[in-house]
Amino acid sequence: KAVKVVQTAGRDMLGEIAPEFARLNDDVLFGEVWSRNDKLSLRDR
């Protein structure tokens, strides 16, 4: 079953200077791509 991965490092580290990069890191890379762990496990990723 897909388990949502929640990542905040992008916003924590870059949120003030690069908010769009932080959003892409936290919401897209982790929130969408890494959360597809029903397709490919987190261990395999």
PDB file of all heavy atoms in Angstrom:
ATOM      1  N   LYS A   1       0.853  -1.172   0.000  1.00  0.00           N
ATOM      2  CA  LYS A   1       0.000   0.000   0.000  1.00  0.00           C
ATOM      3  C   LYS A   1       0.890   1.223   0.000  1.00  0.00           C
ATOM      4  O   LYS A   1       1.887   1.276   0.706  1.00  0.00           O
ATOM      5  CB  LYS A   1      -0.896  -0.002   1.237  1.00  0.00           C
ATOM      6  CG  LYS A   1      -1.852  -1.172   1.273  1.00  0.00           C
ATOM      7  CD  LYS A   1      -2.671  -1.171   2.530  1.00  0.00           C
ATOM      8  CE  LYS A   1      -3.557  -2.398   2.552  1.00  0.00           C
ATOM      9  NZ  LYS A   1      -4.271  -2.529   3.804  1.00  0.00           N
ATOM     10  N   ALA A   2       0.523   2.195  -0.791  1.00  0.00           N
ATOM     11  CA  ALA A   2       1.305   3.422  -0.823  1.00  0.00           C
ATOM     12  C   ALA A   2       1.239   4.106   0.527  1.00  0.00           C
ATOM     13  O   ALA A   2       0.179   4.210   1.134  1.00  0.00           O
ATOM     14  CB  ALA A   2       0.778   4.355  -1.911  1.00  0.00           C
ATOM     15  N   VAL A   3       2.382   4.538   1.001  1.00  0.00           N
ATOM     16  CA  VAL A   3       2.479   5.259   2.256  1.00  0.00           C
ATOM     17  C   VAL A   3       3.059   6.630   1.932  1.00  0.00           C
ATOM     18  O   VAL A   3       4.116   6.736   1.316  1.00  0.00           O
ATOM     19  CB  VAL A   3       3.401   4.515   3.252  1.00  0.00           C
ATOM     20  CG1 VAL A   3       3.550   5.309   4.531  1.00  0.00           C
ATOM     21  CG2 VAL A   3       2.848   3.123   3.541  1.00  0.00           C
ATOM     22  N   LYS A   4       2.354   7.665   2.302  1.00  0.00           N
ATOM     23  CA  LYS A   4       2.786   9.028   2.006  1.00  0.00           C
ATOM     24  C   LYS A   4       4.074   9.346   2.750  1.00  0.00           C
ATOM     25  O   LYS A   4       4.174   9.155   3.955  1.00  0.00           O
ATOM     26  CB  LYS A   4       1.705  10.029   2.414  1.00  0.00           C
ATOM     27  CG  LYS A   4       2.109  11.461   2.178  1.00  0.00           C
ATOM     28  CD  LYS A   4       1.206  12.096   1.185  1.00  0.00           C
ATOM     29  CE  LYS A   4       1.509  13.562   1.065  1.00  0.00           C
ATOM     30  NZ  LYS A   4       2.019  13.896  -0.232  1.00  0.00           N
ATOM     31  N   VAL A   5       5.054   9.804   2.022  1.00  0.00           N
ATOM     32  CA  VAL A   5       6.318  10.231   2.602  1.00  0.00           C
ATOM     33  C   VAL A   5       6.232  11.737   2.806  1.00  0.00           C
ATOM     34  O   VAL A   5       5.882  12.474   1.890  1.00  0.00           O
ATOM     35  CB  VAL A   5       7.504   9.878   1.678  1.00  0.00           C
ATOM     36  CG1 VAL A   5       8.800  10.417   2.231  1.00  0.00           C
ATOM     37  CG2 VAL A   5       7.570   8.368   1.474  1.00  0.00           C
ATOM     38  N   VAL A   6       6.529  12.177   4.006  1.00  0.00           N
ATOM     39  CA  VAL A   6       6.486  13.601   4.325  1.00  0.00           C
ATOM     40  C   VAL A   6       7.919  14.068   4.573  1.00  0.00           C
ATOM     41  O   VAL A   6       8.615  13.546   5.432  1.00  0.00           O
ATOM     42  CB  VAL A   6       5.612  13.868   5.566  1.00  0.00           C
ATOM     43  CG1 VAL A   6       5.635  15.346   5.925  1.00  0.00           C
ATOM     44  CG2 VAL A   6       4.190  13.397   5.314  1.00  0.00           C
ATOM     45  N   GLN A   7       8.335  15.035   3.805  1.00  0.00           N
ATOM     46  CA  GLN A   7       9.692  15.569   3.873  1.00  0.00           C
ATOM     47  C   GLN A   7       9.606  17.075   4.069  1.00  0.00           C
ATOM     48  O   GLN A   7       8.827  17.737   3.390  1.00  0.00           O
ATOM     49  CB  GLN A   7      10.397  15.226   2.562  1.00  0.00           C
ATOM     50  CG  GLN A   7      11.693  15.928   2.317  1.00  0.00           C
ATOM     51  CD  GLN A   7      12.784  15.502   3.257  1.00  0.00           C
ATOM     52  OE1 GLN A   7      12.988  16.137   4.277  1.00  0.00           O
ATOM     53  NE2 GLN A   7      13.472  14.442   2.941  1.00  0.00           N
ATOM     54  N   THR A   8      10.381  17.615   4.988  1.00  0.00           N
ATOM     55  CA  THR A   8      10.376  19.065   5.215  1.00  0.00           C
ATOM     56  C   THR A   8      11.760  19.685   5.060  1.00  0.00           C
ATOM     57  O   THR A   8      11.910  20.889   5.248  1.00  0.00           O
ATOM     58  CB  THR A   8       9.837  19.393   6.620  1.00  0.00           C
ATOM     59  OG1 THR A   8      10.716  18.824   7.598  1.00  0.00           O
ATOM     60  CG2 THR A   8       8.416  18.883   6.805  1.00  0.00           C
ATOM     61  N   ALA A   9      12.752  18.897   4.711  1.00  0.00           N
ATOM     62  CA  ALA A   9      14.120  19.409   4.650  1.00  0.00           C
ATOM     63  C   ALA A   9      14.277  20.549   3.656  1.00  0.00           C
ATOM     64  O   ALA A   9      15.017  21.502   3.908  1.00  0.00           O
ATOM     65  CB  ALA A   9      15.092  18.287   4.323  1.00  0.00           C
ATOM     66  N   GLY A  10      13.605  20.464   2.529  1.00  0.00           N
ATOM     67  CA  GLY A  10      13.699  21.540   1.546  1.00  0.00           C
ATOM     68  C   GLY A  10      13.257  22.868   2.121  1.00  0.00           C
ATOM     69  O   GLY A  10      13.957  23.875   2.020  1.00  0.00           O
ATOM     70  N   ARG A  11      12.089  22.877   2.748  1.00  0.00           N
ATOM     71  CA  ARG A  11      11.582  24.120   3.343  1.00  0.00           C
ATOM     72  C   ARG A  11      12.446  24.547   4.532  1.00  0.00           C
ATOM     73  O   ARG A  11      12.691  25.731   4.728  1.00  0.00           O
ATOM     74  CB  ARG A  11      10.125  23.950   3.742  1.00  0.00           C
ATOM     75  CG  ARG A  11       9.195  23.956   2.542  1.00  0.00           C
ATOM     76  CD  ARG A  11       7.727  23.882   2.935  1.00  0.00           C
ATOM     77  NE  ARG A  11       6.881  23.950   1.781  1.00  0.00           N
ATOM     78  CZ  ARG A  11       6.485  22.893   1.069  1.00  0.00           C
ATOM     79  NH1 ARG A  11       6.866  21.681   1.412  1.00  0.00           N
ATOM     80  NH2 ARG A  11       5.703  23.051   0.013  1.00  0.00           N
ATOM     81  N   ASP A  12      12.886  23.556   5.322  1.00  0.00           N
ATOM     82  CA  ASP A  12      13.709  23.879   6.485  1.00  0.00           C
ATOM     83  C   ASP A  12      15.014  24.554   6.082  1.00  0.00           C
ATOM     84  O   ASP A  12      15.446  25.512   6.708  1.00  0.00           O
ATOM     85  CB  ASP A  12      14.038  22.619   7.299  1.00  0.00           C
ATOM     86  CG  ASP A  12      12.818  21.987   7.941  1.00  0.00           C
ATOM     87  OD1 ASP A  12      11.748  22.656   8.007  1.00  0.00           O
ATOM     88  OD2 ASP A  12      12.924  20.823   8.367  1.00  0.00           O
ATOM     89  N   MET A  13      15.633  24.049   5.021  1.00  0.00           N
ATOM     90  CA  MET A  13      16.948  24.555   4.617  1.00  0.00           C
ATOM     91  C   MET A  13      16.888  25.690   3.607  1.00  0.00           C
ATOM     92  O   MET A  13      17.722  26.578   3.621  1.00  0.00           O
ATOM     93  CB  MET A  13      17.789  23.418   4.035  1.00  0.00           C
ATOM     94  CG  MET A  13      18.171  22.359   5.046  1.00  0.00           C
ATOM     95  SD  MET A  13      19.090  21.000   4.295  1.00  0.00           S
ATOM     96  CE  MET A  13      20.463  21.871   3.567  1.00  0.00           C
ATOM     97  N   LEU A  14      15.914  25.642   2.687  1.00  0.00           N
ATOM     98  CA  LEU A  14      15.917  26.571   1.561  1.00  0.00           C
ATOM     99  C   LEU A  14      14.636  27.367   1.394  1.00  0.00           C
ATOM    100  O   LEU A  14      14.509  28.125   0.435  1.00  0.00           O
ATOM    101  CB  LEU A  14      16.180  25.786   0.265  1.00  0.00           C
ATOM    102  CG  LEU A  14      17.480  24.988   0.225  1.00  0.00           C
ATOM    103  CD1 LEU A  14      17.506  24.099  -1.006  1.00  0.00           C
ATOM    104  CD2 LEU A  14      18.674  25.910   0.264  1.00  0.00           C
ATOM    105  N   GLY A  15      13.698  27.182   2.299  1.00  0.00           N
ATOM    106  CA  GLY A  15      12.390  27.799   2.144  1.00  0.00           C
ATOM    107  C   GLY A  15      12.408  29.303   1.950  1.00  0.00           C
ATOM    108  O   GLY A  15      11.607  29.840   1.187  1.00  0.00           O
ATOM    109  N   GLU A  16      13.335  29.979   2.600  1.00  0.00           N
ATOM    110  CA  GLU A  16      13.377  31.444   2.486  1.00  0.00           C
ATOM    111  C   GLU A  16      14.101  31.919   1.238  1.00  0.00           C
ATOM    112  O   GLU A  16      13.747  32.940   0.676  1.00  0.00           O
ATOM    113  CB  GLU A  16      14.041  32.038   3.731  1.00  0.00           C
ATOM    114  CG  GLU A  16      13.188  31.891   4.976  1.00  0.00           C
ATOM    115  CD  GLU A  16      13.808  32.574   6.182  1.00  0.00           C
ATOM    116  OE1 GLU A  16      14.579  33.533   6.004  1.00  0.00           O
ATOM    117  OE2 GLU A  16      13.507  32.132   7.302  1.00  0.00           O
ATOM    118  N   ILE A  17      15.103  31.181   0.791  1.00  0.00           N
ATOM    119  CA  ILE A  17      15.885  31.661  -0.355  1.00  0.00           C
ATOM    120  C   ILE A  17      15.486  31.019  -1.677  1.00  0.00           C
ATOM    121  O   ILE A  17      15.709  31.594  -2.729  1.00  0.00           O
ATOM    122  CB  ILE A  17      17.397  31.485  -0.129  1.00  0.00           C
ATOM    123  CG1 ILE A  17      17.753  30.008   0.045  1.00  0.00           C
ATOM    124  CG2 ILE A  17      17.871  32.291   1.060  1.00  0.00           C
ATOM    125  CD1 ILE A  17      19.248  29.742   0.011  1.00  0.00           C
ATOM    126  N   ALA A  18      14.900  29.824  -1.615  1.00  0.00           N
ATOM    127  CA  ALA A  18      14.498  29.130  -2.843  1.00  0.00           C
ATOM    128  C   ALA A  18      13.195  28.375  -2.586  1.00  0.00           C
ATOM    129  O   ALA A  18      13.160  27.154  -2.589  1.00  0.00           O
ATOM    130  CB  ALA A  18      15.598  28.178  -3.298  1.00  0.00           C
ATOM    131  N   PRO A  19      12.112  29.109  -2.368  1.00  0.00           N
ATOM    132  CA  PRO A  19      10.864  28.453  -1.986  1.00  0.00           C
ATOM    133  C   PRO A  19      10.324  27.474  -3.034  1.00  0.00           C
ATOM    134  O   PRO A  19       9.761  26.447  -2.674  1.00  0.00           O
ATOM    135  CB  PRO A  19       9.891  29.611  -1.759  1.00  0.00           C
ATOM    136  CG  PRO A  19      10.507  30.785  -2.424  1.00  0.00           C
ATOM    137  CD  PRO A  19      11.976  30.561  -2.436  1.00  0.00           C
ATOM    138  N   GLU A  20      10.514  27.751  -4.306  1.00  0.00           N
ATOM    139  CA  GLU A  20      10.006  26.838  -5.331  1.00  0.00           C
ATOM    140  C   GLU A  20      10.804  25.542  -5.342  1.00  0.00           C
ATOM    141  O   GLU A  20      10.244  24.459  -5.459  1.00  0.00           O
ATOM    142  CB  GLU A  20      10.015  27.493  -6.716  1.00  0.00           C
ATOM    143  CG  GLU A  20       9.420  26.625  -7.809  1.00  0.00           C
ATOM    144  CD  GLU A  20       7.954  26.224  -7.587  1.00  0.00           C
ATOM    145  OE1 GLU A  20       7.274  26.775  -6.700  1.00  0.00           O
ATOM    146  OE2 GLU A  20       7.480  25.346  -8.332  1.00  0.00           O
ATOM    147  N   PHE A  21      12.127  25.624  -5.222  1.00  0.00           N
ATOM    148  CA  PHE A  21      12.949  24.413  -5.139  1.00  0.00           C
ATOM    149  C   PHE A  21      12.556  23.602  -3.910  1.00  0.00           C
ATOM    150  O   PHE A  21      12.425  22.377  -3.979  1.00  0.00           O
ATOM    151  CB  PHE A  21      14.441  24.766  -5.079  1.00  0.00           C
ATOM    152  CG  PHE A  21      15.329  23.553  -5.056  1.00  0.00           C
ATOM    153  CD1 PHE A  21      15.747  22.968  -6.238  1.00  0.00           C
ATOM    154  CD2 PHE A  21      15.725  22.993  -3.853  1.00  0.00           C
ATOM    155  CE1 PHE A  21      16.561  21.832  -6.216  1.00  0.00           C
ATOM    156  CE2 PHE A  21      16.533  21.863  -3.821  1.00  0.00           C
ATOM    157  CZ  PHE A  21      16.948  21.278  -5.011  1.00  0.00           C
ATOM    158  N   ALA A  22      12.351  24.288  -2.785  1.00  0.00           N
ATOM    159  CA  ALA A  22      11.942  23.606  -1.548  1.00  0.00           C
ATOM    160  C   ALA A  22      10.610  22.891  -1.743  1.00  0.00           C
ATOM    161  O   ALA A  22      10.441  21.740  -1.310  1.00  0.00           O
ATOM    162  CB  ALA A  22      11.848  24.619  -0.407  1.00  0.00           C
ATOM    163  N   ARG A  23       9.670  23.538  -2.406  1.00  0.00           N
ATOM    164  CA  ARG A  23       8.369  22.922  -2.669  1.00  0.00           C
ATOM    165  C   ARG A  23       8.517  21.693  -3.558  1.00  0.00           C
ATOM    166  O   ARG A  23       7.938  20.637  -3.281  1.00  0.00           O
ATOM    167  CB  ARG A  23       7.413  23.927  -3.335  1.00  0.00           C
ATOM    168  CG  ARG A  23       6.006  23.350  -3.573  1.00  0.00           C
ATOM    169  CD  ARG A  23       5.165  24.244  -4.478  1.00  0.00           C
ATOM    170  NE  ARG A  23       5.609  24.223  -5.862  1.00  0.00           N
ATOM    171  CZ  ARG A  23       5.343  23.226  -6.724  1.00  0.00           C
ATOM    172  NH1 ARG A  23       4.657  22.173  -6.338  1.00  0.00           N
ATOM    173  NH2 ARG A  23       5.768  23.297  -7.973  1.00  0.00           N
ATOM    174  N   LEU A  24       9.310  21.813  -4.610  1.00  0.00           N
ATOM    175  CA  LEU A  24       9.510  20.679  -5.511  1.00  0.00           C
ATOM    176  C   LEU A  24      10.160  19.506  -4.778  1.00  0.00           C
ATOM    177  O   LEU A  24       9.777  18.353  -4.967  1.00  0.00           O
ATOM    178  CB  LEU A  24      10.356  21.099  -6.720  1.00  0.00           C
ATOM    179  CG  LEU A  24       9.682  22.064  -7.689  1.00  0.00           C
ATOM    180  CD1 LEU A  24      10.690  22.622  -8.682  1.00  0.00           C
ATOM    181  CD2 LEU A  24       8.518  21.394  -8.398  1.00  0.00           C
ATOM    182  N   ASN A  25      11.144  19.804  -3.945  1.00  0.00           N
ATOM    183  CA  ASN A  25      11.813  18.755  -3.173  1.00  0.00           C
ATOM    184  C   ASN A  25      10.838  18.059  -2.224  1.00  0.00           C
ATOM    185  O   ASN A  25      10.722  16.834  -2.214  1.00  0.00           O
ATOM    186  CB  ASN A  25      12.981  19.346  -2.382  1.00  0.00           C
ATOM    187  CG  ASN A  25      13.737  18.291  -1.605  1.00  0.00           C
ATOM    188  OD1 ASN A  25      14.550  17.570  -2.151  1.00  0.00           O
ATOM    189  ND2 ASN A  25      13.459  18.195  -0.317  1.00  0.00           N
ATOM    190  N   ASP A  26      10.150  18.851  -1.424  1.00  0.00           N
ATOM    191  CA  ASP A  26       9.308  18.281  -0.372  1.00  0.00           C
ATOM    192  C   ASP A  26       7.992  17.708  -0.897  1.00  0.00           C
ATOM    193  O   ASP A  26       7.576  16.622  -0.490  1.00  0.00           O
ATOM    194  CB  ASP A  26       9.004  19.339   0.690  1.00  0.00           C
ATOM    195  CG  ASP A  26      10.250  19.798   1.429  1.00  0.00           C
ATOM    196  OD1 ASP A  26      11.326  19.186   1.270  1.00  0.00           O
ATOM    197  OD2 ASP A  26      10.137  20.789   2.184  1.00  0.00           O
ATOM    198  N   ASP A  27       7.336  18.441  -1.794  1.00  0.00           N
ATOM    199  CA  ASP A  27       5.997  18.045  -2.235  1.00  0.00           C
ATOM    200  C   ASP A  27       5.998  17.117  -3.451  1.00  0.00           C
ATOM    201  O   ASP A  27       5.192  16.192  -3.516  1.00  0.00           O
ATOM    202  CB  ASP A  27       5.154  19.277  -2.549  1.00  0.00           C
ATOM    203  CG  ASP A  27       4.968  20.182  -1.340  1.00  0.00           C
ATOM    204  OD1 ASP A  27       5.223  19.735  -0.208  1.00  0.00           O
ATOM    205  OD2 ASP A  27       4.578  21.349  -1.542  1.00  0.00           O
ATOM    206  N   VAL A  28       6.881  17.393  -4.408  1.00  0.00           N
ATOM    207  CA  VAL A  28       6.877  16.589  -5.626  1.00  0.00           C
ATOM    208  C   VAL A  28       7.792  15.374  -5.473  1.00  0.00           C
ATOM    209  O   VAL A  28       7.338  14.238  -5.577  1.00  0.00           O
ATOM    210  CB  VAL A  28       7.251  17.436  -6.864  1.00  0.00           C
ATOM    211  CG1 VAL A  28       7.308  16.570  -8.117  1.00  0.00           C
ATOM    212  CG2 VAL A  28       6.252  18.571  -7.047  1.00  0.00           C
ATOM    213  N   LEU A  29       9.080  15.613  -5.208  1.00  0.00           N
ATOM    214  CA  LEU A  29      10.008  14.486  -5.114  1.00  0.00           C
ATOM    215  C   LEU A  29       9.574  13.499  -4.043  1.00  0.00           C
ATOM    216  O   LEU A  29       9.465  12.310  -4.285  1.00  0.00           O
ATOM    217  CB  LEU A  29      11.432  14.975  -4.838  1.00  0.00           C
ATOM    218  CG  LEU A  29      12.480  13.876  -4.646  1.00  0.00           C
ATOM    219  CD1 LEU A  29      12.579  12.983  -5.884  1.00  0.00           C
ATOM    220  CD2 LEU A  29      13.820  14.474  -4.292  1.00  0.00           C
ATOM    221  N   PHE A  30       9.306  14.001  -2.850  1.00  0.00           N
ATOM    222  CA  PHE A  30       8.908  13.090  -1.773  1.00  0.00           C
ATOM    223  C   PHE A  30       7.406  12.861  -1.727  1.00  0.00           C
ATOM    224  O   PHE A  30       6.949  11.728  -1.681  1.00  0.00           O
ATOM    225  CB  PHE A  30       9.440  13.582  -0.426  1.00  0.00           C
ATOM    226  CG  PHE A  30      10.897  13.299  -0.292  1.00  0.00           C
ATOM    227  CD1 PHE A  30      11.829  14.250  -0.649  1.00  0.00           C
ATOM    228  CD2 PHE A  30      11.331  12.069   0.146  1.00  0.00           C
ATOM    229  CE1 PHE A  30      13.180  13.977  -0.571  1.00  0.00           C
ATOM    230  CE2 PHE A  30      12.677  11.777   0.240  1.00  0.00           C
ATOM    231  CZ  PHE A  30      13.611  12.741  -0.128  1.00  0.00           C
ATOM    232  N   GLY A  31       6.643  13.927  -1.738  1.00  0.00           N
ATOM    233  CA  GLY A  31       5.196  13.792  -1.600  1.00  0.00           C
ATOM    234  C   GLY A  31       4.542  13.017  -2.726  1.00  0.00           C
ATOM    235  O   GLY A  31       3.522  12.368  -2.523  1.00  0.00           O
ATOM    236  N   GLU A  32       5.113  13.068  -3.925  1.00  0.00           N
ATOM    237  CA  GLU A  32       4.538  12.339  -5.046  1.00  0.00           C
ATOM    238  C   GLU A  32       5.400  11.152  -5.485  1.00  0.00           C
ATOM    239  O   GLU A  32       4.933  10.023  -5.490  1.00  0.00           O
ATOM    240  CB  GLU A  32       4.319  13.291  -6.228  1.00  0.00           C
ATOM    241  CG  GLU A  32       3.273  14.355  -5.941  1.00  0.00           C
ATOM    242  CD  GLU A  32       3.102  15.331  -7.092  1.00  0.00           C
ATOM    243  OE1 GLU A  32       3.397  14.960  -8.250  1.00  0.00           O
ATOM    244  OE2 GLU A  32       2.671  16.468  -6.834  1.00  0.00           O
ATOM    245  N   VAL A  33       6.651  11.406  -5.822  1.00  0.00           N
ATOM    246  CA  VAL A  33       7.487  10.340  -6.379  1.00  0.00           C
ATOM    247  C   VAL A  33       7.815   9.269  -5.337  1.00  0.00           C
ATOM    248  O   VAL A  33       7.549   8.087  -5.549  1.00  0.00           O
ATOM    249  CB  VAL A  33       8.780  10.918  -6.998  1.00  0.00           C
ATOM    250  CG1 VAL A  33       9.685   9.804  -7.496  1.00  0.00           C
ATOM    251  CG2 VAL A  33       8.436  11.890  -8.128  1.00  0.00           C
ATOM    252  N   TRP A  34       8.402   9.665  -4.213  1.00  0.00           N
ATOM    253  CA  TRP A  34       8.772   8.671  -3.195  1.00  0.00           C
ATOM    254  C   TRP A  34       7.541   8.038  -2.556  1.00  0.00           C
ATOM    255  O   TRP A  34       7.611   6.924  -2.037  1.00  0.00           O
ATOM    256  CB  TRP A  34       9.653   9.305  -2.126  1.00  0.00           C
ATOM    257  CG  TRP A  34      11.069   9.494  -2.597  1.00  0.00           C
ATOM    258  CD1 TRP A  34      11.598  10.622  -3.150  1.00  0.00           C
ATOM    259  CD2 TRP A  34      12.117   8.540  -2.592  1.00  0.00           C
ATOM    260  NE1 TRP A  34      12.908  10.419  -3.482  1.00  0.00           N
ATOM    261  CE2 TRP A  34      13.253   9.145  -3.140  1.00  0.00           C
ATOM    262  CE3 TRP A  34      12.201   7.210  -2.165  1.00  0.00           C
ATOM    263  CZ2 TRP A  34      14.467   8.484  -3.280  1.00  0.00           C
ATOM    264  CZ3 TRP A  34      13.406   6.555  -2.304  1.00  0.00           C
ATOM    265  CH2 TRP A  34      14.524   7.188  -2.857  1.00  0.00           C
ATOM    266  N   SER A  35       6.416   8.697  -2.610  1.00  0.00           N
ATOM    267  CA  SER A  35       5.191   8.133  -2.037  1.00  0.00           C
ATOM    268  C   SER A  35       4.548   7.088  -2.938  1.00  0.00           C
ATOM    269  O   SER A  35       3.562   6.468  -2.556  1.00  0.00           O
ATOM    270  CB  SER A  35       4.187   9.257  -1.722  1.00  0.00           C
ATOM    271  OG  SER A  35       4.676  10.050  -0.654  1.00  0.00           O
ATOM    272  N   ARG A  36       5.113   6.854  -4.103  1.00  0.00           N
ATOM    273  CA  ARG A  36       4.636   5.777  -4.985  1.00  0.00           C
ATOM    274  C   ARG A  36       5.281   4.456  -4.577  1.00  0.00           C
ATOM    275  O   ARG A  36       5.622   3.623  -5.391  1.00  0.00           O
ATOM    276  CB  ARG A  36       4.957   6.115  -6.440  1.00  0.00           C
ATOM    277  CG  ARG A  36       4.155   7.275  -6.978  1.00  0.00           C
ATOM    278  CD  ARG A  36       4.606   7.710  -8.365  1.00  0.00           C
ATOM    279  NE  ARG A  36       4.881   6.613  -9.272  1.00  0.00           N
ATOM    280  CZ  ARG A  36       3.992   6.092 -10.131  1.00  0.00           C
ATOM    281  NH1 ARG A  36       2.771   6.581 -10.193  1.00  0.00           N
ATOM    282  NH2 ARG A  36       4.330   5.096 -10.918  1.00  0.00           N
ATOM    283  N   ASN A  37       5.421   4.270  -3.275  1.00  0.00           N
ATOM    284  CA  ASN A  37       6.108   3.093  -2.766  1.00  0.00           C
ATOM    285  C   ASN A  37       5.292   1.824  -2.862  1.00  0.00           C
ATOM    286  O   ASN A  37       5.782   0.748  -2.527  1.00  0.00           O
ATOM    287  CB  ASN A  37       6.620   3.339  -1.340  1.00  0.00           C
ATOM    288  CG  ASN A  37       5.592   4.000  -0.473  1.00  0.00           C
ATOM    289  OD1 ASN A  37       4.501   3.486  -0.303  1.00  0.00           O
ATOM    290  ND2 ASN A  37       5.930   5.163   0.073  1.00  0.00           N
ATOM    291  N   ASP A  38       4.072   1.906  -3.357  1.00  0.00           N
ATOM    292  CA  ASP A  38       3.335   0.698  -3.681  1.00  0.00           C
ATOM    293  C   ASP A  38       3.804   0.138  -5.022  1.00  0.00           C
ATOM    294  O   ASP A  38       3.581  -1.028  -5.331  1.00  0.00           O
ATOM    295  CB  ASP A  38       1.822   0.950  -3.706  1.00  0.00           C
ATOM    296  CG  ASP A  38       1.418   2.024  -4.698  1.00  0.00           C
ATOM    297  OD1 ASP A  38       2.210   2.973  -4.941  1.00  0.00           O
ATOM    298  OD2 ASP A  38       0.299   1.931  -5.214  1.00  0.00           O
ATOM    299  N   LYS A  39       4.471   0.963  -5.813  1.00  0.00           N
ATOM    300  CA  LYS A  39       5.006   0.550  -7.113  1.00  0.00           C
ATOM    301  C   LYS A  39       6.443   0.060  -6.991  1.00  0.00           C
ATOM    302  O   LYS A  39       6.843  -0.902  -7.627  1.00  0.00           O
ATOM    303  CB  LYS A  39       4.969   1.708  -8.110  1.00  0.00           C
ATOM    304  CG  LYS A  39       3.634   2.412  -8.214  1.00  0.00           C
ATOM    305  CD  LYS A  39       2.614   1.550  -8.895  1.00  0.00           C
ATOM    306  CE  LYS A  39       1.347   2.348  -9.115  1.00  0.00           C
ATOM    307  NZ  LYS A  39       0.161   1.645  -8.782  1.00  0.00           N
ATOM    308  N   LEU A  40       7.244   0.777  -6.218  1.00  0.00           N
ATOM    309  CA  LEU A  40       8.649   0.446  -5.971  1.00  0.00           C
ATOM    310  C   LEU A  40       8.924   0.828  -4.526  1.00  0.00           C
ATOM    311  O   LEU A  40       8.714   1.972  -4.131  1.00  0.00           O
ATOM    312  CB  LEU A  40       9.562   1.240  -6.920  1.00  0.00           C
ATOM    313  CG  LEU A  40      11.050   0.946  -6.862  1.00  0.00           C
ATOM    314  CD1 LEU A  40      11.338  -0.487  -7.321  1.00  0.00           C
ATOM    315  CD2 LEU A  40      11.810   1.930  -7.748  1.00  0.00           C
ATOM    316  N   SER A  41       9.356  -0.126  -3.746  1.00  0.00           N
ATOM    317  CA  SER A  41       9.514   0.111  -2.312  1.00  0.00           C
ATOM    318  C   SER A  41      10.530   1.217  -2.026  1.00  0.00           C
ATOM    319  O   SER A  41      11.418   1.502  -2.831  1.00  0.00           O
ATOM    320  CB  SER A  41       9.940  -1.168  -1.603  1.00  0.00           C
ATOM    321  OG  SER A  41      11.292  -1.471  -1.898  1.00  0.00           O
ATOM    322  N   LEU A  42      10.416   1.792  -0.864  1.00  0.00           N
ATOM    323  CA  LEU A  42      11.363   2.814  -0.442  1.00  0.00           C
ATOM    324  C   LEU A  42      12.768   2.236  -0.341  1.00  0.00           C
ATOM    325  O   LEU A  42      13.745   2.902  -0.678  1.00  0.00           O
ATOM    326  CB  LEU A  42      10.935   3.420   0.888  1.00  0.00           C
ATOM    327  CG  LEU A  42       9.643   4.229   0.846  1.00  0.00           C
ATOM    328  CD1 LEU A  42       9.262   4.702   2.248  1.00  0.00           C
ATOM    329  CD2 LEU A  42       9.754   5.392  -0.102  1.00  0.00           C
ATOM    330  N   ARG A  43      12.879   0.997   0.107  1.00  0.00           N
ATOM    331  CA  ARG A  43      14.184   0.331   0.187  1.00  0.00           C
ATOM    332  C   ARG A  43      14.803   0.242  -1.203  1.00  0.00           C
ATOM    333  O   ARG A  43      15.975   0.563  -1.399  1.00  0.00           O
ATOM    334  CB  ARG A  43      14.021  -1.057   0.793  1.00  0.00           C
ATOM    335  CG  ARG A  43      15.326  -1.835   0.893  1.00  0.00           C
ATOM    336  CD  ARG A  43      15.062  -3.211   1.522  1.00  0.00           C
ATOM    337  NE  ARG A  43      16.276  -3.904   1.804  1.00  0.00           N
ATOM    338  CZ  ARG A  43      16.871  -4.768   0.977  1.00  0.00           C
ATOM    339  NH1 ARG A  43      16.350  -5.008  -0.207  1.00  0.00           N
ATOM    340  NH2 ARG A  43      17.981  -5.374   1.333  1.00  0.00           N
ATOM    341  N   ASP A  44      14.020  -0.170  -2.183  1.00  0.00           N
ATOM    342  CA  ASP A  44      14.528  -0.275  -3.539  1.00  0.00           C
ATOM    343  C   ASP A  44      14.874   1.100  -4.106  1.00  0.00           C
ATOM    344  O   ASP A  44      15.891   1.261  -4.780  1.00  0.00           O
ATOM    345  CB  ASP A  44      13.514  -0.985  -4.439  1.00  0.00           C
ATOM    346  CG  ASP A  44      13.327  -2.446  -4.077  1.00  0.00           C
ATOM    347  OD1 ASP A  44      14.135  -2.990  -3.294  1.00  0.00           O
ATOM    348  OD2 ASP A  44      12.353  -3.047  -4.563  1.00  0.00           O
ATOM    349  N   ARG A  45      14.037   2.085  -3.826  1.00  0.00           N
ATOM    350  CA  ARG A  45      14.332   3.444  -4.295  1.00  0.00           C
ATOM    351  C   ARG A  45      15.634   3.952  -3.683  1.00  0.00           C
ATOM    352  O   ARG A  45      16.424   4.631  -4.337  1.00  0.00           O
ATOM    353  CB  ARG A  45      13.179   4.391  -3.971  1.00  0.00           C
ATOM    354  CG  ARG A  45      11.951   4.167  -4.826  1.00  0.00           C
ATOM    355  CD  ARG A  45      10.797   5.093  -4.433  1.00  0.00           C
ATOM    356  NE  ARG A  45       9.565   4.674  -5.056  1.00  0.00           N
ATOM    357  CZ  ARG A  45       9.180   5.042  -6.281  1.00  0.00           C
ATOM    358  NH1 ARG A  45       9.929   5.842  -6.990  1.00  0.00           N
ATOM    359  NH2 ARG A  45       8.042   4.597  -6.772  1.00  0.00           N
TER     360      ARG A  45
END
